[in-house]
Amino acid sequence: MVLVMALVLGSSGPVFADELDERKNALESQIAEVQQSMDFLDADIIETVAQLRVYQDELPAAQQSLVDAQGRVAVAANEVAVLAQRVDLAQDTKNTLTAQLERDREEMAANRVVIGQIASQAYKSGGIPSGISLLLGAESPESLTYSMDMVHQALRSQNAAIEQLSQQNAINVNSEARLISVEEEIRDLKYQAEEALAAEQRARDEAEVEKAKVDGLIAETTALSEELQAQKPVIESRLAKIEAEQRQVVADIAERQRRLLEEARKREQARLKAEAEERARIENERRAAEAAAANRPVPVPVPVPPPAPPAVGSPSTFGLNPPLNGPITSTFGYRPTPAGTIDWSGTGGYAHTGIDYGVGCGTPIYAPAAGEVWFADSGVLSGAGVRVVLNHGVVQGNALVTNYYHLESFAVSAGQQVKAGQLIAYVGTSGNSSGCHLHFETQLNGSLVDPLGLL
């Protein structure tokens, strides 16, 4: 039974087609887990709490996916920027080479003009004159010297022009090869840049999807949280009523057990007193007989000592067996309110006062020990649904009662005596329950205790 309910506040998001089964399984698992800790609460509240927990579980992964996607966008954008810079540098190199080739072509054209002029003049003059022809044609020594200087100058100009033209041609060949290489590099870089841009767009699209998922989770969680907050007064009132009813039920059973223990104690004391009186009577008769035989006065009777308190044995002497075969899905004990959850009653936690067996509806339940049916009813305890309460009496100074809640139906009636292993009820989901299970309690000497310590 739950005294305090804690609701986990998380985040939620849109469900995509390939996530439907995963979300459904997660929700069912969370509902089962919440049910373990939140007996006697409405199924719709339990499902809302479970949905919040599903969203809370999904949000960190979704947020991390968003961070990863944003990181991929940054990497892709950086790659695009780097490639753009490399394209610009390669384009600058291409422009430089193109300009240099243009200048070299202009210089080569000028040199070709010079060589052509020398060749044309030589053709008109019948070729470059030899030394003998210059000597024979000279009118004076001065004209001969002048003519020879002119010839040597022409030859030097022609040779220089030819040499420069050859060098420029070699440079041009190399520059053109470099230009071709740069143009190929530019084409490759532009292709890489286009691929990088496409990758960046894909990364941005993925980031948008992840962001939409995170935004959806947060939006849906906010809505569920607001819904639960709006119901808080109603839930707190209901929990207070349940807690009060539970205390009364436990107190009523405890009072019955107190009376049983008192009656058992009196019976035991009466038995012990009778045994002591019988022992004293026998001893006094023996002593009187001995005195009469020896002709002595009758001795003073042996007093009857007060009986010792009845001994209290181990509760294990009840020999409880499990009421059914099935997995235990929730154990007995106190559970603190997890951080970030709603502490409905302000006590900082809640107590689960029994153990839960997670089995299907209709599963038979058997008496774990012989006893008397104290209650077989419905609606007495809010949220408990159909219940059976078995009194196993007093054994070695211990009084034991077992409680069975959320039943489908019972096979016994109040006042009936049952044997160990006798069918008493069937597992159900009556009362405030979101799924088939048995809530099983043990009340020893007025207090609810862990059933696992008695089974």
Protein backbone atom coordinates (compact mmCIF):
# COMPACT_ATOMS: atom_id res chain seq x y z
CA MET A 1 0.00 0.00 0.00
CA VAL A 2 1.26 3.46 -0.74
CA LEU A 3 1.13 6.26 1.81
CA VAL A 4 2.82 8.88 -0.36
CA MET A 5 2.98 9.06 -4.16
CA ALA A 6 5.95 10.60 -5.96
CA LEU A 7 5.59 11.71 -9.57
CA VAL A 8 8.71 12.08 -11.69
CA LEU A 9 8.72 15.31 -13.70
CA GLY A 10 10.55 14.82 -16.98
CA SER A 11 10.22 15.82 -20.63
CA SER A 12 8.48 14.44 -23.68
CA GLY A 13 8.51 14.54 -27.45
CA PRO A 14 6.96 13.50 -30.74
CA VAL A 15 6.73 9.83 -31.55
CA PHE A 16 8.06 8.78 -34.95
CA ALA A 17 6.81 5.74 -36.81
CA ASP A 18 9.90 3.62 -36.11
CA GLU A 19 9.69 4.47 -32.40
CA LEU A 20 6.09 3.39 -31.74
CA ASP A 21 6.90 -0.13 -30.55
CA GLU A 22 9.82 1.06 -28.47
CA ARG A 23 7.71 3.80 -26.86
CA LYS A 24 4.84 1.34 -26.21
CA ASN A 25 7.16 -1.17 -24.54
CA ALA A 26 8.80 1.56 -22.47
CA LEU A 27 5.42 2.85 -21.34
CA GLU A 28 4.21 -0.61 -20.34
CA SER A 29 7.43 -1.19 -18.41
CA GLN A 30 7.11 2.14 -16.62
CA ILE A 31 3.45 1.50 -15.78
CA ALA A 32 4.45 -1.81 -14.21
CA GLU A 33 7.22 -0.11 -12.24
CA VAL A 34 4.99 2.72 -11.07
CA GLN A 35 2.29 0.21 -10.09
CA GLN A 36 4.82 -1.53 -7.85
CA SER A 37 5.18 1.63 -5.79
CA MET A 38 1.78 3.24 -6.13
CA ASP A 39 -0.94 0.88 -5.04
CA PHE A 40 -4.41 2.28 -4.45
CA LEU A 41 -4.08 5.18 -6.93
CA ASP A 42 -6.15 5.70 -10.06
CA ALA A 43 -4.94 4.01 -13.21
CA ASP A 44 -5.00 7.27 -15.16
CA ILE A 45 -2.70 8.93 -12.63
CA ILE A 46 -0.34 5.97 -12.74
CA GLU A 47 -0.29 6.09 -16.55
CA THR A 48 0.42 9.82 -16.49
CA VAL A 49 3.30 9.28 -14.09
CA ALA A 50 4.62 6.47 -16.27
CA GLN A 51 4.39 8.63 -19.39
CA LEU A 52 6.36 11.35 -17.63
CA ARG A 53 9.04 8.84 -16.73
CA VAL A 54 9.22 7.64 -20.32
CA TYR A 55 9.69 11.21 -21.49
CA GLN A 56 12.27 11.83 -18.79
CA ASP A 57 14.22 8.78 -19.91
CA GLU A 58 14.07 9.88 -23.55
CA LEU A 59 15.03 13.53 -23.02
CA PRO A 60 18.74 13.14 -22.13
CA ALA A 61 19.39 10.96 -25.19
CA ALA A 62 17.44 13.37 -27.41
CA GLN A 63 19.36 16.33 -26.03
CA GLN A 64 22.65 14.53 -26.61
CA SER A 65 21.60 13.68 -30.16
CA LEU A 66 20.85 17.36 -30.70
CA VAL A 67 24.27 18.36 -29.36
CA ASP A 68 25.91 15.75 -31.61
CA ALA A 69 23.94 16.98 -34.62
CA GLN A 70 24.88 20.58 -33.88
CA GLY A 71 28.49 19.46 -33.60
CA ARG A 72 28.28 17.85 -37.03
CA VAL A 73 26.85 21.10 -38.42
CA ALA A 74 29.80 23.01 -36.98
CA VAL A 75 32.31 20.53 -38.42
CA ALA A 76 30.62 20.62 -41.84
CA ALA A 77 30.44 24.42 -41.85
CA ASN A 78 34.12 24.64 -40.92
CA GLU A 79 35.01 22.26 -43.74
CA VAL A 80 33.02 24.39 -46.18
CA ALA A 81 34.86 27.51 -45.00
CA VAL A 82 38.27 25.85 -45.32
CA LEU A 83 37.47 24.61 -48.83
CA ALA A 84 36.21 28.06 -49.81
CA GLN A 85 39.52 29.57 -48.70
CA ARG A 86 41.44 26.96 -50.66
CA VAL A 87 39.33 27.68 -53.74
CA ASP A 88 40.04 31.41 -53.36
CA LEU A 89 43.78 30.77 -53.02
CA ALA A 90 43.80 28.48 -56.03
CA GLN A 91 41.83 31.08 -58.02
CA ASP A 92 44.37 33.76 -57.05
CA THR A 93 47.15 31.48 -58.26
CA LYS A 94 45.31 30.91 -61.51
CA ASN A 95 44.85 34.65 -62.01
CA THR A 96 48.54 35.28 -61.33
CA LEU A 97 49.62 32.58 -63.78
CA THR A 98 47.17 33.83 -66.41
CA ALA A 99 48.48 37.40 -66.11
CA GLN A 100 52.08 36.21 -66.24
CA LEU A 101 51.38 34.12 -69.33
CA GLU A 102 49.78 37.15 -70.99
CA ARG A 103 52.83 39.30 -70.25
CA ASP A 104 55.17 36.59 -71.49
CA ARG A 105 53.18 36.24 -74.71
CA GLU A 106 53.43 39.99 -75.28
CA GLU A 107 57.22 39.94 -74.72
CA MET A 108 57.59 36.94 -77.01
CA ALA A 109 55.59 38.72 -79.68
CA ALA A 110 57.90 41.77 -79.35
CA ASN A 111 61.00 39.60 -79.63
CA ARG A 112 59.55 37.90 -82.68
CA VAL A 113 59.08 41.37 -84.21
CA VAL A 114 62.74 42.25 -83.55
CA ILE A 115 63.95 38.97 -85.05
CA GLY A 116 61.64 39.48 -87.99
CA GLN A 117 62.93 42.98 -88.60
CA ILE A 118 66.56 41.79 -88.57
CA ALA A 119 65.70 38.92 -90.89
CA SER A 120 63.76 41.26 -93.21
CA GLN A 121 66.63 43.74 -93.37
CA ALA A 122 69.10 40.99 -94.07
CA TYR A 123 66.87 39.67 -96.83
CA LYS A 124 66.65 43.08 -98.44
CA SER A 125 70.42 43.51 -98.21
CA GLY A 126 71.08 40.10 -99.64
CA GLY A 127 71.91 38.64 -96.27
CA ILE A 128 74.28 39.67 -93.52
CA PRO A 129 77.48 41.00 -95.32
CA SER A 130 80.68 39.11 -94.75
CA GLY A 131 83.99 40.77 -93.82
CA ILE A 132 85.31 40.63 -97.39
CA SER A 133 82.18 42.20 -98.83
CA LEU A 134 82.38 44.97 -96.32
CA LEU A 135 86.05 45.51 -97.16
CA LEU A 136 85.43 45.64 -100.90
CA GLY A 137 82.48 47.91 -100.55
CA ALA A 138 84.04 50.30 -98.10
CA GLU A 139 84.75 53.73 -99.47
CA SER A 140 86.98 54.65 -96.59
CA PRO A 141 88.36 53.14 -93.36
CA GLU A 142 85.77 55.03 -91.36
CA SER A 143 82.89 53.62 -93.33
CA LEU A 144 84.34 50.12 -92.96
CA THR A 145 84.50 50.42 -89.17
CA TYR A 146 80.98 51.81 -89.02
CA SER A 147 79.65 49.01 -91.22
CA MET A 148 81.31 46.31 -89.12
CA ASP A 149 79.94 47.79 -85.88
CA MET A 150 76.47 47.79 -87.37
CA VAL A 151 76.78 44.16 -88.40
CA HIS A 152 78.00 43.06 -84.97
CA GLN A 153 75.22 44.98 -83.26
CA ALA A 154 72.62 43.38 -85.49
CA LEU A 155 73.97 39.93 -84.76
CA ARG A 156 73.98 40.57 -81.01
CA SER A 157 70.40 41.84 -81.10
CA GLN A 158 69.31 38.87 -83.12
CA ASN A 159 71.03 36.38 -80.79
CA ALA A 160 69.68 38.08 -77.68
CA ALA A 161 66.18 38.10 -79.06
CA ILE A 162 66.40 34.45 -79.99
CA GLU A 163 67.80 33.51 -76.55
CA GLN A 164 65.11 35.47 -74.74
CA LEU A 165 62.44 34.00 -76.94
CA SER A 166 63.71 30.49 -76.13
CA GLN A 167 63.71 31.19 -72.40
CA GLN A 168 60.25 32.70 -72.50
CA ASN A 169 58.96 29.74 -74.43
CA ALA A 170 60.31 27.34 -71.77
CA ILE A 171 58.78 29.47 -69.00
CA ASN A 172 55.46 29.53 -70.84
CA VAL A 173 55.43 25.76 -71.17
CA ASN A 174 56.00 25.42 -67.43
CA SER A 175 53.42 28.11 -66.57
CA GLU A 176 50.82 26.51 -68.80
CA ALA A 177 51.41 23.15 -67.11
CA ARG A 178 51.03 24.80 -63.72
CA LEU A 179 47.89 26.55 -64.92
CA ILE A 180 46.36 23.25 -66.03
CA SER A 181 47.23 21.73 -62.63
CA VAL A 182 45.70 24.70 -60.79
CA GLU A 183 42.55 24.53 -62.89
CA GLU A 184 42.23 20.83 -62.06
CA GLU A 185 42.76 21.62 -58.37
CA ILE A 186 40.06 24.30 -58.56
CA ARG A 187 37.61 21.86 -60.16
CA ASP A 188 38.39 19.25 -57.46
CA LEU A 189 38.09 21.79 -54.64
CA LYS A 190 34.79 23.07 -56.02
CA TYR A 191 33.48 19.49 -56.14
CA GLN A 192 34.62 18.93 -52.56
CA ALA A 193 33.03 22.24 -51.56
CA GLU A 194 29.74 21.19 -53.13
CA GLU A 195 29.88 17.87 -51.29
CA ALA A 196 30.72 19.67 -48.05
CA LEU A 197 27.80 22.05 -48.56
CA ALA A 198 25.48 19.12 -49.12
CA ALA A 199 26.84 17.41 -45.98
CA GLU A 200 26.33 20.63 -44.04
CA GLN A 201 22.74 20.84 -45.21
CA ARG A 202 22.12 17.23 -44.24
CA ALA A 203 23.65 17.92 -40.82
CA ARG A 204 21.44 20.98 -40.42
CA ASP A 205 18.38 18.94 -41.42
CA GLU A 206 19.29 16.27 -38.87
CA ALA A 207 19.81 18.91 -36.21
CA GLU A 208 16.38 20.36 -36.99
CA VAL A 209 14.82 16.92 -36.56
CA GLU A 210 16.61 16.39 -33.24
CA LYS A 211 15.67 19.86 -32.06
CA ALA A 212 12.04 19.23 -32.96
CA LYS A 213 12.17 16.01 -30.95
CA VAL A 214 13.65 17.76 -27.91
CA ASP A 215 11.19 20.64 -28.20
CA GLY A 216 8.33 18.16 -28.46
CA LEU A 217 9.51 16.22 -25.41
CA ILE A 218 9.75 19.39 -23.37
CA ALA A 219 6.36 20.64 -24.57
CA GLU A 220 4.53 17.40 -23.83
CA THR A 221 6.22 17.01 -20.45
CA THR A 222 5.30 20.55 -19.53
CA ALA A 223 1.69 19.81 -20.42
CA LEU A 224 1.66 16.59 -18.37
CA SER A 225 3.37 18.27 -15.45
CA GLU A 226 0.81 21.08 -15.49
CA GLU A 227 -1.96 18.51 -15.66
CA LEU A 228 -0.63 16.71 -12.59
CA GLN A 229 -0.04 19.95 -10.74
CA ALA A 230 -3.65 20.92 -11.43
CA GLN A 231 -4.78 17.60 -9.93
CA LYS A 232 -2.48 17.91 -6.93
CA PRO A 233 -5.15 19.07 -4.42
CA VAL A 234 -7.47 16.24 -5.45
CA ILE A 235 -4.69 13.65 -5.30
CA GLU A 236 -3.44 14.88 -1.93
CA SER A 237 -6.98 14.74 -0.53
CA ARG A 238 -7.45 11.24 -1.87
CA LEU A 239 -4.11 10.11 -0.46
CA ALA A 240 -4.97 11.55 2.94
CA LYS A 241 -8.27 9.64 2.88
CA ILE A 242 -6.50 6.42 1.84
CA GLU A 243 -3.88 6.85 4.55
CA ALA A 244 -6.53 7.46 7.19
CA GLU A 245 -8.49 4.41 6.05
CA GLN A 246 -5.36 2.31 6.04
CA ARG A 247 -4.44 3.38 9.56
CA GLN A 248 -7.96 2.51 10.69
CA VAL A 249 -7.91 -0.90 9.00
CA VAL A 250 -4.50 -1.69 10.50
CA ALA A 251 -5.66 -0.44 13.90
CA ASP A 252 -8.83 -2.55 13.77
CA ILE A 253 -6.88 -5.67 12.93
CA ALA A 254 -4.27 -4.78 15.56
CA GLU A 255 -7.03 -4.49 18.18
CA ARG A 256 -8.42 -7.87 17.19
CA GLN A 257 -4.94 -9.34 17.43
CA ARG A 258 -4.40 -7.67 20.79
CA ARG A 259 -7.54 -9.33 22.09
CA LEU A 260 -6.46 -12.67 20.64
CA LEU A 261 -3.06 -12.33 22.27
CA GLU A 262 -4.62 -11.34 25.58
CA GLU A 263 -6.98 -14.29 25.45
CA ALA A 264 -4.14 -16.62 24.51
CA ARG A 265 -2.00 -15.17 27.30
CA LYS A 266 -4.77 -15.72 29.84
CA ARG A 267 -5.35 -19.26 28.62
CA GLU A 268 -1.66 -19.98 28.82
CA GLN A 269 -1.39 -18.47 32.29
CA ALA A 270 -4.42 -20.44 33.40
CA ARG A 271 -2.86 -23.59 31.99
CA LEU A 272 0.46 -22.89 33.65
CA LYS A 273 -1.31 -22.07 36.96
CA ALA A 274 -3.32 -25.25 36.81
CA GLU A 275 -0.17 -27.26 36.12
CA ALA A 276 1.60 -25.55 39.05
CA GLU A 277 -1.34 -26.21 41.38
CA GLU A 278 -1.46 -29.82 40.27
CA ARG A 279 2.26 -30.23 40.92
CA ALA A 280 1.87 -28.59 44.36
CA ARG A 281 -1.11 -30.83 45.21
CA ILE A 282 0.77 -33.96 44.25
CA GLU A 283 3.82 -32.83 46.24
CA ASN A 284 1.73 -31.99 49.31
CA GLU A 285 -0.06 -35.34 49.17
CA ARG A 286 3.27 -37.13 48.92
CA ARG A 287 4.71 -35.23 51.85
CA ALA A 288 1.54 -35.83 53.94
CA ALA A 289 1.68 -39.56 53.21
CA GLU A 290 5.34 -39.71 54.22
CA ALA A 291 4.59 -37.83 57.47
CA ALA A 292 1.69 -40.14 58.32
CA ALA A 293 3.82 -43.21 57.71
CA ALA A 294 6.55 -41.85 59.97
CA ASN A 295 4.00 -40.69 62.56
CA ARG A 296 5.09 -37.12 62.11
CA PRO A 297 2.97 -33.99 62.01
CA VAL A 298 1.61 -33.01 58.63
CA PRO A 299 4.10 -30.57 57.02
CA VAL A 300 3.21 -27.08 55.87
CA PRO A 301 1.77 -27.27 52.33
CA VAL A 302 4.11 -26.27 49.49
CA PRO A 303 2.97 -22.88 48.12
CA VAL A 304 1.94 -22.60 44.50
CA PRO A 305 4.49 -20.34 42.66
CA PRO A 306 3.18 -17.64 40.31
CA PRO A 307 3.27 -18.81 36.68
CA ALA A 308 6.09 -17.48 34.47
CA PRO A 309 5.13 -15.23 31.53
CA PRO A 310 4.23 -17.27 28.46
CA ALA A 311 7.22 -17.77 26.20
CA VAL A 312 7.14 -16.09 22.77
CA GLY A 313 8.43 -18.21 19.93
CA SER A 314 9.59 -17.44 16.39
CA PRO A 315 7.01 -16.25 13.82
CA SER A 316 8.43 -18.88 11.49
CA THR A 317 6.43 -21.44 13.44
CA PHE A 318 3.38 -20.38 11.42
CA GLY A 319 5.00 -22.18 8.47
CA LEU A 320 3.72 -19.74 5.84
CA ASN A 321 3.95 -20.79 2.21
CA PRO A 322 3.78 -18.29 -0.70
CA PRO A 323 0.14 -17.68 -1.67
CA LEU A 324 1.00 -18.31 -5.33
CA ASN A 325 3.89 -19.01 -7.65
CA GLY A 326 5.04 -15.90 -9.50
CA PRO A 327 7.64 -13.15 -9.63
CA ILE A 328 7.74 -10.54 -6.88
CA THR A 329 7.63 -7.20 -8.67
CA SER A 330 7.69 -4.91 -5.64
CA THR A 331 9.14 -5.49 -2.20
CA PHE A 332 8.28 -4.24 1.26
CA GLY A 333 9.77 -1.06 2.68
CA TYR A 334 10.20 2.69 2.68
CA ARG A 335 11.20 4.53 -0.48
CA PRO A 336 12.43 8.13 -0.37
CA THR A 337 10.97 10.58 -2.84
CA PRO A 338 13.43 10.80 -5.78
CA ALA A 339 15.01 14.17 -6.47
CA GLY A 340 13.00 16.30 -8.87
CA THR A 341 9.67 14.61 -8.12
CA ILE A 342 6.48 15.77 -6.45
CA ASP A 343 6.35 14.87 -2.76
CA TRP A 344 2.58 14.74 -2.45
CA SER A 345 2.31 14.44 1.33
CA GLY A 346 5.50 16.28 2.24
CA THR A 347 6.88 13.34 4.20
CA GLY A 348 9.84 12.82 1.89
CA GLY A 349 8.88 9.33 0.76
CA TYR A 350 6.32 6.57 0.85
CA ALA A 351 5.96 3.11 2.35
CA HIS A 352 5.08 -0.03 0.45
CA THR A 353 3.44 -2.12 3.14
CA GLY A 354 3.52 -5.48 1.42
CA ILE A 355 4.92 -7.30 -1.58
CA ASP A 356 3.43 -7.48 -5.07
CA TYR A 357 3.22 -10.59 -7.22
CA GLY A 358 3.16 -9.73 -10.91
CA VAL A 359 0.91 -12.45 -12.32
CA GLY A 360 -2.06 -12.55 -14.65
CA CYS A 361 -5.65 -11.97 -13.69
CA GLY A 362 -7.42 -15.16 -12.69
CA THR A 363 -4.32 -16.74 -11.14
CA PRO A 364 -5.45 -18.85 -8.15
CA ILE A 365 -4.43 -17.74 -4.63
CA TYR A 366 -4.06 -20.32 -1.88
CA ALA A 367 -4.07 -19.97 1.90
CA PRO A 368 -0.42 -19.88 3.02
CA ALA A 369 -1.44 -21.48 6.36
CA ALA A 370 -4.58 -22.61 8.14
CA GLY A 371 -6.79 -19.88 9.51
CA GLU A 372 -10.13 -18.13 9.70
CA VAL A 373 -11.51 -15.74 7.07
CA TRP A 374 -12.02 -12.44 8.85
CA PHE A 375 -13.01 -10.43 5.75
CA ALA A 376 -13.99 -11.23 2.17
CA ASP A 377 -15.44 -8.02 0.79
CA SER A 378 -15.02 -5.04 -1.55
CA GLY A 379 -14.88 -1.26 -1.19
CA VAL A 380 -14.06 -1.19 2.51
CA LEU A 381 -10.56 0.23 1.87
CA SER A 382 -10.42 2.87 -0.91
CA GLY A 383 -8.45 1.60 -3.86
CA ALA A 384 -7.93 -1.90 -2.45
CA GLY A 385 -10.78 -3.33 -4.49
CA VAL A 386 -11.83 -6.88 -3.67
CA ARG A 387 -9.95 -8.18 -0.62
CA VAL A 388 -9.57 -11.18 1.67
CA VAL A 389 -8.16 -11.06 5.22
CA LEU A 390 -7.08 -14.33 6.89
CA ASN A 391 -6.49 -14.68 10.62
CA HIS A 392 -3.94 -17.38 11.36
CA GLY A 393 -4.47 -17.14 15.09
CA VAL A 394 -1.84 -17.14 17.82
CA VAL A 395 1.14 -19.50 17.74
CA GLN A 396 3.78 -19.40 20.50
CA GLY A 397 2.76 -15.91 21.56
CA ASN A 398 2.55 -14.40 18.04
CA ALA A 399 -0.63 -13.31 16.27
CA LEU A 400 -0.60 -13.28 12.46
CA VAL A 401 -2.99 -11.97 9.78
CA THR A 402 -2.47 -11.97 6.00
CA ASN A 403 -4.15 -9.49 3.60
CA TYR A 404 -4.88 -9.97 -0.12
CA TYR A 405 -5.84 -6.91 -2.26
CA HIS A 406 -6.91 -6.09 -5.86
CA LEU A 407 -8.59 -9.48 -6.27
CA GLU A 408 -10.76 -10.50 -9.17
CA SER A 409 -12.98 -12.53 -6.84
CA PHE A 410 -12.83 -14.64 -3.69
CA ALA A 411 -13.72 -18.28 -3.09
CA VAL A 412 -14.33 -18.06 0.67
CA SER A 413 -16.65 -16.17 3.02
CA ALA A 414 -16.22 -14.37 6.33
CA GLY A 415 -16.11 -16.71 9.33
CA GLN A 416 -15.02 -19.70 7.24
CA GLN A 417 -12.18 -21.91 8.46
CA VAL A 418 -9.61 -22.74 5.76
CA LYS A 419 -6.77 -25.22 5.57
CA ALA A 420 -3.25 -24.51 4.36
CA GLY A 421 -3.17 -24.67 0.57
CA GLN A 422 -6.93 -24.17 0.18
CA LEU A 423 -8.11 -21.93 -2.69
CA ILE A 424 -9.24 -18.58 -1.30
CA ALA A 425 -9.29 -16.09 -4.23
CA TYR A 426 -8.15 -15.13 -7.74
CA VAL A 427 -5.71 -12.40 -8.79
CA GLY A 428 -7.31 -9.34 -10.37
CA THR A 429 -6.90 -5.61 -10.91
CA SER A 430 -9.81 -4.28 -8.87
CA GLY A 431 -9.66 -0.98 -7.05
CA ASN A 432 -7.08 1.59 -8.09
CA SER A 433 -4.83 -0.69 -10.08
CA SER A 434 -3.34 -0.36 -13.54
CA GLY A 435 -2.59 -4.04 -14.07
CA CYS A 436 -3.13 -7.55 -12.78
CA HIS A 437 -1.19 -8.26 -9.60
CA LEU A 438 -1.59 -9.39 -5.99
CA HIS A 439 -0.72 -7.05 -3.15
CA PHE A 440 0.10 -9.36 -0.21
CA GLU A 441 0.56 -8.12 3.37
CA THR A 442 1.45 -9.72 6.69
CA GLN A 443 0.40 -8.11 10.00
CA LEU A 444 2.25 -9.58 12.97
CA ASN A 445 1.18 -8.66 16.51
CA GLY A 446 -0.55 -5.53 15.22
CA SER A 447 2.25 -4.27 12.91
CA LEU A 448 2.71 -4.66 9.17
CA VAL A 449 5.97 -6.53 8.54
CA ASP A 450 7.90 -7.77 5.54
CA PRO A 451 6.20 -10.94 4.26
CA LEU A 452 9.52 -12.26 2.98
CA GLY A 453 10.65 -12.61 6.59
CA LEU A 454 7.82 -15.07 7.26
CA LEU A 455 7.61 -17.10 4.06
